[in-house]
N, C-alpha and C. Protein backbone atom coordinates (compact mmCIF):
# COMPACT_ATOMS: atom_id res chain seq x y z
N MET A 1 145.96 76.38 41.09
CA MET A 1 146.47 75.10 40.67
C MET A 1 145.35 74.21 40.14
N SER A 2 144.19 74.36 40.73
CA SER A 2 143.06 73.56 40.27
C SER A 2 142.70 73.89 38.82
N ALA A 3 142.73 75.16 38.49
CA ALA A 3 142.41 75.58 37.12
C ALA A 3 143.44 75.04 36.14
N VAL A 4 144.69 75.06 36.51
CA VAL A 4 145.76 74.55 35.64
C VAL A 4 145.59 73.04 35.44
N ALA A 5 145.30 72.33 36.53
CA ALA A 5 145.11 70.88 36.43
C ALA A 5 143.89 70.55 35.57
N THR A 6 142.81 71.31 35.74
CA THR A 6 141.60 71.09 34.93
C THR A 6 141.88 71.36 33.46
N GLY A 7 142.55 72.45 33.17
CA GLY A 7 142.90 72.78 31.79
C GLY A 7 143.79 71.72 31.16
N ALA A 8 144.76 71.25 31.91
CA ALA A 8 145.66 70.21 31.40
C ALA A 8 144.89 68.91 31.15
N SER A 9 143.95 68.61 32.03
CA SER A 9 143.13 67.41 31.86
C SER A 9 142.32 67.48 30.57
N TRP A 10 141.71 68.63 30.30
CA TRP A 10 140.92 68.79 29.07
C TRP A 10 141.79 68.71 27.83
N VAL A 11 142.95 69.31 27.88
CA VAL A 11 143.87 69.25 26.74
C VAL A 11 144.27 67.81 26.46
N CYS A 12 144.60 67.08 27.52
CA CYS A 12 144.97 65.67 27.35
C CYS A 12 143.81 64.85 26.82
N CYS A 13 142.62 65.12 27.33
CA CYS A 13 141.44 64.39 26.87
C CYS A 13 141.17 64.64 25.38
N PHE A 14 141.22 65.88 24.96
CA PHE A 14 140.98 66.19 23.55
C PHE A 14 142.06 65.59 22.66
N ARG A 15 143.30 65.59 23.15
CA ARG A 15 144.40 65.02 22.36
C ARG A 15 144.22 63.51 22.19
N THR A 16 143.83 62.83 23.27
CA THR A 16 143.63 61.39 23.15
C THR A 16 142.44 61.05 22.26
N LEU A 17 141.42 61.91 22.26
CA LEU A 17 140.30 61.68 21.35
C LEU A 17 140.70 61.84 19.89
N GLN A 18 141.69 62.69 19.62
CA GLN A 18 142.19 62.84 18.25
C GLN A 18 142.98 61.61 17.82
N VAL A 19 143.66 61.00 18.78
CA VAL A 19 144.56 59.89 18.46
C VAL A 19 143.86 58.53 18.53
N GLY A 20 142.99 58.35 19.53
CA GLY A 20 142.39 57.04 19.75
C GLY A 20 140.88 57.06 19.60
N PRO A 21 140.28 55.88 19.56
CA PRO A 21 138.83 55.78 19.44
C PRO A 21 138.13 56.15 20.76
N VAL A 22 136.95 56.73 20.64
CA VAL A 22 136.19 57.17 21.80
C VAL A 22 135.88 55.99 22.73
N SER A 23 135.66 54.83 22.16
CA SER A 23 135.30 53.66 22.98
C SER A 23 136.41 53.26 23.94
N LEU A 24 137.64 53.66 23.66
CA LEU A 24 138.75 53.38 24.58
C LEU A 24 139.07 54.57 25.48
N VAL A 25 138.85 55.76 24.99
CA VAL A 25 139.21 56.98 25.73
C VAL A 25 138.20 57.29 26.83
N ALA A 26 136.92 57.18 26.55
CA ALA A 26 135.87 57.57 27.51
C ALA A 26 135.93 56.78 28.82
N PRO A 27 136.08 55.47 28.79
CA PRO A 27 136.14 54.75 30.08
C PRO A 27 137.34 55.18 30.94
N ILE A 28 138.45 55.46 30.32
CA ILE A 28 139.63 55.90 31.07
C ILE A 28 139.37 57.28 31.67
N ASP A 29 138.72 58.14 30.90
CA ASP A 29 138.39 59.48 31.40
C ASP A 29 137.44 59.39 32.59
N LYS A 30 136.45 58.54 32.53
CA LYS A 30 135.48 58.40 33.61
C LYS A 30 136.06 57.71 34.84
N LEU A 31 137.17 57.01 34.68
CA LEU A 31 137.82 56.36 35.80
C LEU A 31 138.32 57.37 36.83
N SER A 32 138.51 58.61 36.41
CA SER A 32 139.00 59.63 37.34
C SER A 32 138.03 59.85 38.50
N ILE A 33 136.74 59.67 38.27
CA ILE A 33 135.75 59.82 39.34
C ILE A 33 135.99 58.76 40.41
N VAL A 34 136.24 57.54 39.98
CA VAL A 34 136.50 56.45 40.92
C VAL A 34 137.79 56.72 41.70
N LEU A 35 138.79 57.23 41.04
CA LEU A 35 140.05 57.54 41.72
C LEU A 35 139.89 58.63 42.76
N VAL A 36 139.10 59.65 42.46
CA VAL A 36 138.86 60.73 43.42
C VAL A 36 138.15 60.18 44.65
N ILE A 37 137.17 59.33 44.45
CA ILE A 37 136.46 58.73 45.59
C ILE A 37 137.41 57.88 46.42
N ALA A 38 138.23 57.07 45.75
CA ALA A 38 139.18 56.21 46.47
C ALA A 38 140.19 57.05 47.27
N PHE A 39 140.72 58.11 46.67
CA PHE A 39 141.68 58.97 47.38
C PHE A 39 141.02 59.66 48.56
N ALA A 40 139.77 60.08 48.41
CA ALA A 40 139.06 60.74 49.51
C ALA A 40 138.87 59.79 50.68
N ILE A 41 138.58 58.54 50.38
CA ILE A 41 138.39 57.55 51.45
C ILE A 41 139.73 57.20 52.10
N LEU A 42 140.74 56.94 51.28
CA LEU A 42 142.02 56.48 51.81
C LEU A 42 142.83 57.58 52.50
N PHE A 43 142.90 58.75 51.91
CA PHE A 43 143.80 59.78 52.42
C PHE A 43 143.11 60.84 53.28
N LEU A 44 141.84 61.07 53.06
CA LEU A 44 141.14 62.12 53.80
C LEU A 44 140.19 61.56 54.86
N GLY A 45 140.02 60.24 54.86
CA GLY A 45 139.15 59.61 55.84
C GLY A 45 137.67 59.88 55.64
N GLU A 46 137.29 60.23 54.43
CA GLU A 46 135.87 60.47 54.13
C GLU A 46 135.10 59.17 54.17
N ARG A 47 133.83 59.26 54.54
CA ARG A 47 132.96 58.10 54.52
C ARG A 47 131.97 58.27 53.37
N PRO A 48 131.93 57.30 52.46
CA PRO A 48 131.03 57.42 51.32
C PRO A 48 129.56 57.30 51.73
N SER A 49 128.71 58.03 51.02
CA SER A 49 127.27 57.94 51.23
C SER A 49 126.58 58.17 49.89
N LEU A 50 125.33 57.79 49.81
CA LEU A 50 124.58 58.00 48.56
C LEU A 50 124.26 59.46 48.33
N ARG A 51 124.24 60.23 49.36
CA ARG A 51 123.95 61.65 49.26
C ARG A 51 125.08 62.36 48.59
């Protein structure tokens, strides 16, 4: 499932780059890192660290 989700993410990213300007697409793409961190803290009880 991870591979399918990753593939779908790349397809969506490339499609949005074809349709919209990079200056709008890139920040939205990078927001996924922040969402993963937030979900890990909220749902998995992870504690963030610099490491």
